[in-house]
């Protein structure tokens, strides 16, 4: 899209926002080179708009000032339920702004922050709002390098949050320590139904922690642990958990260095051919 067409589209969207066009319920401005100034203008309109429910601003350059403006809009907006802001180089400053907004916002239910630069410090800022927010049900933080320290922040979050049902943390360099912290929280959490820890650095030790949690947890129905290193010993631990767990119906274990022994253990547990 050339510069002229890009500007024309933004102007049309802005006009419809301001006019509260009843047919405008979704805004998709993915990869439209939106910077801070454009986001400030859009955010001003979002403060009063009463029709838009879904926003997609992924792959832009909204920056710290743009995020501040969007966050201010989210404090007042009462209709947006879904926000996707992947690939915007969002770091700790932006997360602090967003977190403050979501302490107040009571309508956003889905937040996607894929491939940003949140890190462990940004995750800590995010966790503060998750402890008090009572609306968000789905959170995706793929490829943000939150590591074990970032994962540990979800220990307290999952113990007190009562609305989150889906948490996606793939590709975040989460090892055994982070997995253990999340597992401890799963023993107490009563709302999470889907958890994605694929493409991380967990091995049999981390799988042991998850397995102990699965013996107690009664809400999780889907678990993705693909592309880790749980191995045969991890499968043995999972096998023991599945003998007790009554709720887990879907789990994904692709590319986990599982050998014949581990596969045989799982066959015996599930009484089916894998």
C-alpha atoms as a PDB file:
ATOM      1  CA  UNK A   1       0.000   0.000   0.000  1.00  0.00           C
ATOM      2  CA  UNK A   2       1.454   3.369  -1.044  1.00  0.00           C
ATOM      3  CA  UNK A   3       1.557   6.398   1.237  1.00  0.00           C
ATOM      4  CA  UNK A   4      -1.480   8.059  -0.318  1.00  0.00           C
ATOM      5  CA  UNK A   5      -3.692   4.980  -0.010  1.00  0.00           C
ATOM      6  CA  UNK A   6      -2.487   4.408   3.540  1.00  0.00           C
ATOM      7  CA  UNK A   7      -3.429   7.939   4.584  1.00  0.00           C
ATOM      8  CA  UNK A   8      -6.795   7.710   2.855  1.00  0.00           C
ATOM      9  CA  UNK A   9      -7.650   4.496   4.699  1.00  0.00           C
ATOM     10  CA  UNK A  10      -6.682   5.991   8.037  1.00  0.00           C
ATOM     11  CA  UNK A  11      -8.808   9.056   7.370  1.00  0.00           C
ATOM     12  CA  UNK A  12     -11.820   6.917   6.459  1.00  0.00           C
ATOM     13  CA  UNK A  13     -11.452   4.803   9.592  1.00  0.00           C
ATOM     14  CA  UNK A  14     -11.069   7.910  11.739  1.00  0.00           C
ATOM     15  CA  UNK A  15     -14.152   9.530  10.250  1.00  0.00           C
ATOM     16  CA  UNK A  16     -16.261   6.432  10.843  1.00  0.00           C
ATOM     17  CA  UNK A  17     -14.948   6.184  14.415  1.00  0.00           C
ATOM     18  CA  UNK A  18     -15.874   9.754  15.220  1.00  0.00           C
ATOM     19  CA  UNK A  19     -19.314   9.357  13.667  1.00  0.00           C
ATOM     20  CA  UNK A  20     -19.973   6.157  15.638  1.00  0.00           C
ATOM     21  CA  UNK A  21     -20.745   4.338  12.413  1.00  0.00           C
ATOM     22  CA  UNK A  22     -22.913   1.417  13.547  1.00  0.00           C
ATOM     23  CA  UNK A  23     -21.454  -0.860  10.869  1.00  0.00           C
ATOM     24  CA  UNK A  24     -17.897  -0.341  12.119  1.00  0.00           C
ATOM     25  CA  UNK A  25     -17.242  -3.058  14.700  1.00  0.00           C
ATOM     26  CA  UNK A  26     -13.739  -4.172  13.690  1.00  0.00           C
ATOM     27  CA  UNK A  27     -10.643  -2.133  12.865  1.00  0.00           C
ATOM     28  CA  UNK A  28      -7.760  -3.923  11.169  1.00  0.00           C
ATOM     29  CA  UNK A  29      -4.775  -1.632  10.637  1.00  0.00           C
ATOM     30  CA  UNK A  30      -2.150  -4.357  10.635  1.00  0.00           C
ATOM     31  CA  UNK A  31       1.117  -3.369   8.985  1.00  0.00           C
ATOM     32  CA  UNK A  32      -0.007   0.162   8.057  1.00  0.00           C
ATOM     33  CA  UNK A  33       3.073   1.964   9.430  1.00  0.00           C
ATOM     34  CA  UNK A  34       1.060   3.565  12.208  1.00  0.00           C
ATOM     35  CA  UNK A  35       3.280   5.665  14.438  1.00  0.00           C
ATOM     36  CA  UNK A  36       2.717   7.577  17.652  1.00  0.00           C
ATOM     37  CA  UNK A  37       0.941  10.535  16.039  1.00  0.00           C
ATOM     38  CA  UNK A  38      -1.533   8.373  14.120  1.00  0.00           C
ATOM     39  CA  UNK A  39      -2.212   6.360  17.257  1.00  0.00           C
ATOM     40  CA  UNK A  40      -2.855   9.521  19.261  1.00  0.00           C
ATOM     41  CA  UNK A  41      -5.504  10.581  16.737  1.00  0.00           C
ATOM     42  CA  UNK A  42      -7.142   7.150  16.629  1.00  0.00           C
ATOM     43  CA  UNK A  43      -7.105   6.896  20.414  1.00  0.00           C
ATOM     44  CA  UNK A  44      -8.863  10.207  20.818  1.00  0.00           C
ATOM     45  CA  UNK A  45     -11.733   8.875  18.716  1.00  0.00           C
ATOM     46  CA  UNK A  46     -11.761   5.545  20.571  1.00  0.00           C
ATOM     47  CA  UNK A  47     -12.448   7.348  23.832  1.00  0.00           C
ATOM     48  CA  UNK A  48     -15.957   8.192  22.672  1.00  0.00           C
ATOM     49  CA  UNK A  49     -16.662   5.474  20.104  1.00  0.00           C
ATOM     50  CA  UNK A  50     -19.442   3.055  21.040  1.00  0.00           C
ATOM     51  CA  UNK A  51     -19.412   0.550  18.160  1.00  0.00           C
ATOM     52  CA  UNK A  52     -15.937  -0.975  17.729  1.00  0.00           C
ATOM     53  CA  UNK A  53     -15.335  -4.274  19.536  1.00  0.00           C
ATOM     54  CA  UNK A  54     -12.118  -5.544  17.909  1.00  0.00           C
ATOM     55  CA  UNK A  55      -8.822  -3.718  17.292  1.00  0.00           C
ATOM     56  CA  UNK A  56      -5.857  -5.024  15.347  1.00  0.00           C
ATOM     57  CA  UNK A  57      -2.767  -2.793  15.336  1.00  0.00           C
ATOM     58  CA  UNK A  58      -0.129  -5.483  14.843  1.00  0.00           C
ATOM     59  CA  UNK A  59       3.136  -4.861  12.970  1.00  0.00           C
ATOM     60  CA  UNK A  60       3.297  -1.092  13.350  1.00  0.00           C
ATOM     61  CA  UNK A  61       5.469   1.394  15.251  1.00  0.00           C
ATOM     62  CA  UNK A  62       3.065   2.868  17.777  1.00  0.00           C
ATOM     63  CA  UNK A  63       5.864   3.599  20.289  1.00  0.00           C
ATOM     64  CA  UNK A  64       5.681   4.653  23.909  1.00  0.00           C
ATOM     65  CA  UNK A  65       3.640   7.811  23.300  1.00  0.00           C
ATOM     66  CA  UNK A  66       1.240   5.952  21.048  1.00  0.00           C
ATOM     67  CA  UNK A  67       0.738   3.283  23.691  1.00  0.00           C
ATOM     68  CA  UNK A  68       0.093   5.935  26.337  1.00  0.00           C
ATOM     69  CA  UNK A  69      -2.646   7.382  24.146  1.00  0.00           C
ATOM     70  CA  UNK A  70      -4.174   3.987  23.436  1.00  0.00           C
ATOM     71  CA  UNK A  71      -4.068   3.143  27.131  1.00  0.00           C
ATOM     72  CA  UNK A  72      -5.880   6.346  28.027  1.00  0.00           C
ATOM     73  CA  UNK A  73      -8.548   5.445  25.489  1.00  0.00           C
ATOM     74  CA  UNK A  74      -8.973   1.980  26.995  1.00  0.00           C
ATOM     75  CA  UNK A  75      -9.644   3.553  30.382  1.00  0.00           C
ATOM     76  CA  UNK A  76     -12.752   5.212  28.940  1.00  0.00           C
ATOM     77  CA  UNK A  77     -13.819   2.933  26.087  1.00  0.00           C
ATOM     78  CA  UNK A  78     -16.595   0.501  27.019  1.00  0.00           C
ATOM     79  CA  UNK A  79     -16.994  -1.592  23.874  1.00  0.00           C
ATOM     80  CA  UNK A  80     -13.604  -2.977  22.777  1.00  0.00           C
ATOM     81  CA  UNK A  81     -13.306  -6.640  23.745  1.00  0.00           C
ATOM     82  CA  UNK A  82     -10.308  -7.732  21.661  1.00  0.00           C
ATOM     83  CA  UNK A  83      -6.904  -6.045  21.167  1.00  0.00           C
ATOM     84  CA  UNK A  84      -4.051  -7.371  19.029  1.00  0.00           C
ATOM     85  CA  UNK A  85      -0.792  -5.402  19.119  1.00  0.00           C
ATOM     86  CA  UNK A  86       1.819  -7.931  18.053  1.00  0.00           C
ATOM     87  CA  UNK A  87       5.193  -6.849  16.640  1.00  0.00           C
ATOM     88  CA  UNK A  88       5.206  -3.269  17.906  1.00  0.00           C
ATOM     89  CA  UNK A  89       8.467  -3.356  19.868  1.00  0.00           C
ATOM     90  CA  UNK A  90       6.483  -3.006  23.067  1.00  0.00           C
ATOM     91  CA  UNK A  91       8.732  -2.937  26.136  1.00  0.00           C
ATOM     92  CA  UNK A  92       8.414  -2.218  29.842  1.00  0.00           C
ATOM     93  CA  UNK A  93       7.348   1.452  29.479  1.00  0.00           C
ATOM     94  CA  UNK A  94       4.533   0.513  27.146  1.00  0.00           C
ATOM     95  CA  UNK A  95       3.491  -2.359  29.411  1.00  0.00           C
ATOM     96  CA  UNK A  96       3.275  -0.066  32.415  1.00  0.00           C
ATOM     97  CA  UNK A  97       0.906   2.220  30.481  1.00  0.00           C
ATOM     98  CA  UNK A  98      -1.204  -0.693  29.268  1.00  0.00           C
ATOM     99  CA  UNK A  99      -1.266  -2.265  32.714  1.00  0.00           C
ATOM    100  CA  UNK A 100      -2.598   0.898  34.325  1.00  0.00           C
ATOM    101  CA  UNK A 101      -5.381   1.025  31.760  1.00  0.00           C
ATOM    102  CA  UNK A 102      -6.391  -2.578  32.256  1.00  0.00           C
ATOM    103  CA  UNK A 103      -6.686  -2.097  35.997  1.00  0.00           C
ATOM    104  CA  UNK A 104      -9.638   0.122  35.101  1.00  0.00           C
ATOM    105  CA  UNK A 105     -10.981  -1.375  31.873  1.00  0.00           C
ATOM    106  CA  UNK A 106     -13.759  -3.932  32.368  1.00  0.00           C
ATOM    107  CA  UNK A 107     -14.617  -4.881  28.794  1.00  0.00           C
ATOM    108  CA  UNK A 108     -11.407  -6.185  27.166  1.00  0.00           C
ATOM    109  CA  UNK A 109     -11.485  -9.986  27.208  1.00  0.00           C
ATOM    110  CA  UNK A 110      -8.738 -10.920  24.720  1.00  0.00           C
ATOM    111  CA  UNK A 111      -5.206  -9.476  24.545  1.00  0.00           C
ATOM    112  CA  UNK A 112      -2.517 -10.568  22.082  1.00  0.00           C
ATOM    113  CA  UNK A 113       1.052  -9.298  22.509  1.00  0.00           C
ATOM    114  CA  UNK A 114       3.004 -11.648  20.257  1.00  0.00           C
ATOM    115  CA  UNK A 115       6.628 -10.951  19.286  1.00  0.00           C
ATOM    116  CA  UNK A 116       7.265  -7.793  21.235  1.00  0.00           C
ATOM    117  CA  UNK A 117      10.049  -6.968  23.707  1.00  0.00           C
ATOM    118  CA  UNK A 118       8.226  -7.368  26.998  1.00  0.00           C
ATOM    119  CA  UNK A 119      10.881  -9.420  28.802  1.00  0.00           C
ATOM    120  CA  UNK A 120      10.664 -10.318  32.487  1.00  0.00           C
ATOM    121  CA  UNK A 121      10.308  -6.704  33.681  1.00  0.00           C
ATOM    122  CA  UNK A 122       7.436  -6.016  31.307  1.00  0.00           C
ATOM    123  CA  UNK A 123       5.775  -9.212  32.477  1.00  0.00           C
ATOM    124  CA  UNK A 124       5.983  -7.982  36.067  1.00  0.00           C
ATOM    125  CA  UNK A 125       4.137  -4.810  35.054  1.00  0.00           C
ATOM    126  CA  UNK A 126       1.566  -6.914  33.228  1.00  0.00           C
ATOM    127  CA  UNK A 127       1.048  -9.170  36.239  1.00  0.00           C
ATOM    128  CA  UNK A 128       0.061  -6.267  38.463  1.00  0.00           C
ATOM    129  CA  UNK A 129      -3.037  -5.553  36.414  1.00  0.00           C
ATOM    130  CA  UNK A 130      -3.863  -9.255  36.072  1.00  0.00           C
ATOM    131  CA  UNK A 131      -4.151  -9.479  39.845  1.00  0.00           C
ATOM    132  CA  UNK A 132      -7.036  -6.998  39.864  1.00  0.00           C
ATOM    133  CA  UNK A 133      -8.540  -7.133  36.364  1.00  0.00           C
ATOM    134  CA  UNK A 134     -11.895  -8.916  36.265  1.00  0.00           C
ATOM    135  CA  UNK A 135     -12.555  -9.037  32.540  1.00  0.00           C
ATOM    136  CA  UNK A 136      -9.645 -10.554  30.591  1.00  0.00           C
ATOM    137  CA  UNK A 137     -10.160 -14.222  29.713  1.00  0.00           C
ATOM    138  CA  UNK A 138      -7.502 -14.842  27.032  1.00  0.00           C
ATOM    139  CA  UNK A 139      -3.870 -13.685  27.103  1.00  0.00           C
ATOM    140  CA  UNK A 140      -1.230 -14.540  24.493  1.00  0.00           C
ATOM    141  CA  UNK A 141       2.437 -13.556  24.941  1.00  0.00           C
ATOM    142  CA  UNK A 142       4.240 -15.578  22.276  1.00  0.00           C
ATOM    143  CA  UNK A 143       7.965 -14.924  21.696  1.00  0.00           C
ATOM    144  CA  UNK A 144       8.626 -12.206  24.256  1.00  0.00           C
ATOM    145  CA  UNK A 145      11.664 -13.641  26.063  1.00  0.00           C
ATOM    146  CA  UNK A 146      10.047 -13.446  29.475  1.00  0.00           C
ATOM    147  CA  UNK A 147      12.242 -16.301  30.776  1.00  0.00           C
ATOM    148  CA  UNK A 148      11.952 -17.977  34.167  1.00  0.00           C
ATOM    149  CA  UNK A 149      11.712 -14.668  36.020  1.00  0.00           C
ATOM    150  CA  UNK A 150       8.798 -13.529  33.899  1.00  0.00           C
ATOM    151  CA  UNK A 151       7.088 -16.904  34.257  1.00  0.00           C
ATOM    152  CA  UNK A 152       7.436 -16.698  38.034  1.00  0.00           C
ATOM    153  CA  UNK A 153       5.207 -13.610  38.072  1.00  0.00           C
ATOM    154  CA  UNK A 154       2.329 -15.804  36.930  1.00  0.00           C
ATOM    155  CA  UNK A 155       2.614 -17.760  40.165  1.00  0.00           C
ATOM    156  CA  UNK A 156       0.857 -15.019  42.133  1.00  0.00           C
ATOM    157  CA  UNK A 157      -1.383 -14.044  39.225  1.00  0.00           C
ATOM    158  CA  UNK A 158      -2.878 -17.500  38.731  1.00  0.00           C
ATOM    159  CA  UNK A 159      -3.454 -17.863  42.446  1.00  0.00           C
ATOM    160  CA  UNK A 160      -5.710 -14.792  42.648  1.00  0.00           C
ATOM    161  CA  UNK A 161      -7.026 -14.109  39.128  1.00  0.00           C
ATOM    162  CA  UNK A 162     -10.563 -15.431  38.665  1.00  0.00           C
ATOM    163  CA  UNK A 163     -11.302 -14.707  35.002  1.00  0.00           C
ATOM    164  CA  UNK A 164      -8.359 -15.891  32.878  1.00  0.00           C
ATOM    165  CA  UNK A 165      -9.248 -19.120  31.046  1.00  0.00           C
ATOM    166  CA  UNK A 166      -6.576 -19.247  28.313  1.00  0.00           C
ATOM    167  CA  UNK A 167      -2.875 -18.440  28.761  1.00  0.00           C
ATOM    168  CA  UNK A 168      -0.391 -18.777  25.890  1.00  0.00           C
ATOM    169  CA  UNK A 169       3.333 -18.471  26.687  1.00  0.00           C
ATOM    170  CA  UNK A 170       5.128 -20.300  23.840  1.00  0.00           C
ATOM    171  CA  UNK A 171       8.648 -19.413  22.734  1.00  0.00           C
ATOM    172  CA  UNK A 172       9.639 -17.538  25.884  1.00  0.00           C
ATOM    173  CA  UNK A 173      12.774 -19.343  27.134  1.00  0.00           C
ATOM    174  CA  UNK A 174      10.875 -20.692  30.133  1.00  0.00           C
ATOM    175  CA  UNK A 175      12.862 -23.420  31.874  1.00  0.00           C
ATOM    176  CA  UNK A 176      12.230 -25.665  34.857  1.00  0.00           C
ATOM    177  CA  UNK A 177      12.139 -22.863  37.439  1.00  0.00           C
ATOM    178  CA  UNK A 178       9.468 -20.929  35.596  1.00  0.00           C
ATOM    179  CA  UNK A 179       7.510 -24.105  34.912  1.00  0.00           C
ATOM    180  CA  UNK A 180       7.626 -25.044  38.581  1.00  0.00           C
ATOM    181  CA  UNK A 181       6.292 -21.622  39.587  1.00  0.00           C
ATOM    182  CA  UNK A 182       3.371 -21.900  37.175  1.00  0.00           C
ATOM    183  CA  UNK A 183       2.718 -25.478  38.309  1.00  0.00           C
ATOM    184  CA  UNK A 184       2.421 -24.432  41.949  1.00  0.00           C
ATOM    185  CA  UNK A 185      -0.201 -21.881  40.957  1.00  0.00           C
ATOM    186  CA  UNK A 186      -2.139 -24.480  38.955  1.00  0.00           C
ATOM    187  CA  UNK A 187      -2.701 -26.372  42.189  1.00  0.00           C
ATOM    188  CA  UNK A 188      -4.814 -23.444  43.408  1.00  0.00           C
ATOM    189  CA  UNK A 189      -6.201 -21.911  40.195  1.00  0.00           C
ATOM    190  CA  UNK A 190      -9.841 -22.700  39.425  1.00  0.00           C
ATOM    191  CA  UNK A 191     -10.471 -20.932  36.110  1.00  0.00           C
ATOM    192  CA  UNK A 192      -7.678 -21.700  33.605  1.00  0.00           C
ATOM    193  CA  UNK A 193      -8.769 -24.273  31.017  1.00  0.00           C
ATOM    194  CA  UNK A 194      -6.015 -23.909  28.377  1.00  0.00           C
ATOM    195  CA  UNK A 195      -2.270 -23.492  28.880  1.00  0.00           C
ATOM    196  CA  UNK A 196       0.384 -23.317  26.141  1.00  0.00           C
ATOM    197  CA  UNK A 197       4.026 -23.740  27.190  1.00  0.00           C
ATOM    198  CA  UNK A 198       5.309 -25.033  23.849  1.00  0.00           C
ATOM    199  CA  UNK A 199       8.688 -24.070  22.366  1.00  0.00           C
ATOM    200  CA  UNK A 200      10.307 -23.484  25.756  1.00  0.00           C
ATOM    201  CA  UNK A 201      13.209 -25.043  27.699  1.00  0.00           C
ATOM    202  CA  UNK A 202      11.481 -27.447  30.050  1.00  0.00           C
ATOM    203  CA  UNK A 203      12.794 -30.974  30.621  1.00  0.00           C
ATOM    204  CA  UNK A 204      11.750 -33.939  32.797  1.00  0.00           C
ATOM    205  CA  UNK A 205      12.154 -31.880  35.980  1.00  0.00           C
ATOM    206  CA  UNK A 206       9.653 -29.320  34.755  1.00  0.00           C
ATOM    207  CA  UNK A 207       7.328 -32.099  33.596  1.00  0.00           C
ATOM    208  CA  UNK A 208       7.443 -33.593  37.080  1.00  0.00           C
ATOM    209  CA  UNK A 209       6.242 -30.283  38.517  1.00  0.00           C
ATOM    210  CA  UNK A 210       3.395 -30.036  36.008  1.00  0.00           C
ATOM    211  CA  UNK A 211       2.411 -33.633  36.680  1.00  0.00           C
ATOM    212  CA  UNK A 212       2.120 -32.986  40.398  1.00  0.00           C
ATOM    213  CA  UNK A 213      -0.117 -30.019  39.629  1.00  0.00           C
ATOM    214  CA  UNK A 214      -2.305 -32.109  37.312  1.00  0.00           C
ATOM    215  CA  UNK A 215      -2.998 -34.501  40.160  1.00  0.00           C
ATOM    216  CA  UNK A 216      -4.700 -31.627  41.992  1.00  0.00           C
ATOM    217  CA  UNK A 217      -5.960 -29.220  39.308  1.00  0.00           C
ATOM    218  CA  UNK A 218      -9.593 -29.777  38.275  1.00  0.00           C
ATOM    219  CA  UNK A 219     -10.126 -27.188  35.528  1.00  0.00           C
ATOM    220  CA  UNK A 220      -7.365 -27.529  32.903  1.00  0.00           C
ATOM    221  CA  UNK A 221      -8.644 -29.331  29.807  1.00  0.00           C
ATOM    222  CA  UNK A 222      -5.942 -28.486  27.229  1.00  0.00           C
ATOM    223  CA  UNK A 223      -2.156 -28.437  27.679  1.00  0.00           C
ATOM    224  CA  UNK A 224       0.449 -27.815  24.963  1.00  0.00           C
ATOM    225  CA  UNK A 225       4.018 -28.820  25.838  1.00  0.00           C
ATOM    226  CA  UNK A 226       5.271 -29.351  22.294  1.00  0.00           C
ATOM    227  CA  UNK A 227       8.926 -28.676  21.471  1.00  0.00           C
ATOM    228  CA  UNK A 228      10.409 -29.043  24.933  1.00  0.00           C
ATOM    229  CA  UNK A 229      12.689 -31.805  26.229  1.00  0.00           C
ATOM    230  CA  UNK A 230      10.580 -33.831  28.638  1.00  0.00           C
ATOM    231  CA  UNK A 231      11.931 -37.209  27.448  1.00  0.00           C
ATOM    232  CA  UNK A 232      10.941 -40.653  28.728  1.00  0.00           C
ATOM    233  CA  UNK A 233      11.237 -39.680  32.386  1.00  0.00           C
ATOM    234  CA  UNK A 234       8.869 -36.799  31.844  1.00  0.00           C
ATOM    235  CA  UNK A 235       6.399 -39.161  30.187  1.00  0.00           C
ATOM    236  CA  UNK A 236       6.519 -41.440  33.217  1.00  0.00           C
ATOM    237  CA  UNK A 237       5.613 -38.511  35.449  1.00  0.00           C
ATOM    238  CA  UNK A 238       2.750 -37.503  33.140  1.00  0.00           C
ATOM    239  CA  UNK A 239       1.529 -41.086  33.121  1.00  0.00           C
ATOM    240  CA  UNK A 240       1.129 -41.047  36.890  1.00  0.00           C
ATOM    241  CA  UNK A 241      -0.751 -37.753  36.726  1.00  0.00           C
ATOM    242  CA  UNK A 242      -3.169 -39.021  34.060  1.00  0.00           C
ATOM    243  CA  UNK A 243      -4.145 -41.898  36.317  1.00  0.00           C
ATOM    244  CA  UNK A 244      -5.526 -39.319  38.748  1.00  0.00           C
ATOM    245  CA  UNK A 245      -6.530 -36.302  36.649  1.00  0.00           C
ATOM    246  CA  UNK A 246     -10.184 -36.267  35.546  1.00  0.00           C
ATOM    247  CA  UNK A 247     -10.367 -33.117  33.401  1.00  0.00           C
ATOM    248  CA  UNK A 248      -7.462 -32.974  30.914  1.00  0.00           C
ATOM    249  CA  UNK A 249      -8.761 -34.069  27.497  1.00  0.00           C
ATOM    250  CA  UNK A 250      -6.206 -32.603  25.088  1.00  0.00           C
ATOM    251  CA  UNK A 251      -2.437 -32.463  25.378  1.00  0.00           C
ATOM    252  CA  UNK A 252       0.238 -31.886  22.758  1.00  0.00           C
ATOM    253  CA  UNK A 253       3.709 -33.396  23.106  1.00  0.00           C
ATOM    254  CA  UNK A 254       5.332 -33.203  19.664  1.00  0.00           C
ATOM    255  CA  UNK A 255       9.142 -33.044  19.467  1.00  0.00           C
ATOM    256  CA  UNK A 256       9.971 -33.809  23.092  1.00  0.00           C
ATOM    257  CA  UNK A 257      12.777 -36.340  22.759  1.00  0.00           C
ATOM    258  CA  UNK A 258      10.373 -39.116  23.726  1.00  0.00           C
ATOM    259  CA  UNK A 259      11.704 -42.600  23.023  1.00  0.00           C
ATOM    260  CA  UNK A 260      10.062 -46.002  22.733  1.00  0.00           C
ATOM    261  CA  UNK A 261       9.886 -46.381  26.495  1.00  0.00           C
ATOM    262  CA  UNK A 262       8.035 -43.108  26.918  1.00  0.00           C
ATOM    263  CA  UNK A 263       5.592 -43.925  24.136  1.00  0.00           C
ATOM    264  CA  UNK A 264       4.871 -47.319  25.653  1.00  0.00           C
ATOM    265  CA  UNK A 265       4.160 -45.717  29.020  1.00  0.00           C
ATOM    266  CA  UNK A 266       1.678 -43.331  27.434  1.00  0.00           C
ATOM    267  CA  UNK A 267      -0.025 -46.152  25.515  1.00  0.00           C
ATOM    268  CA  UNK A 268      -0.595 -47.998  28.741  1.00  0.00           C
ATOM    269  CA  UNK A 269      -2.031 -44.914  30.399  1.00  0.00           C
ATOM    270  CA  UNK A 270      -4.423 -43.998  27.615  1.00  0.00           C
ATOM    271  CA  UNK A 271      -5.171 -47.531  26.489  1.00  0.00           C
ATOM    272  CA  UNK A 272      -4.827 -46.407  22.886  1.00  0.00           C
ATOM    273  CA  UNK A 273      -2.280 -46.424  20.080  1.00  0.00           C
ATOM    274  CA  UNK A 274      -0.307 -43.193  19.767  1.00  0.00           C
END
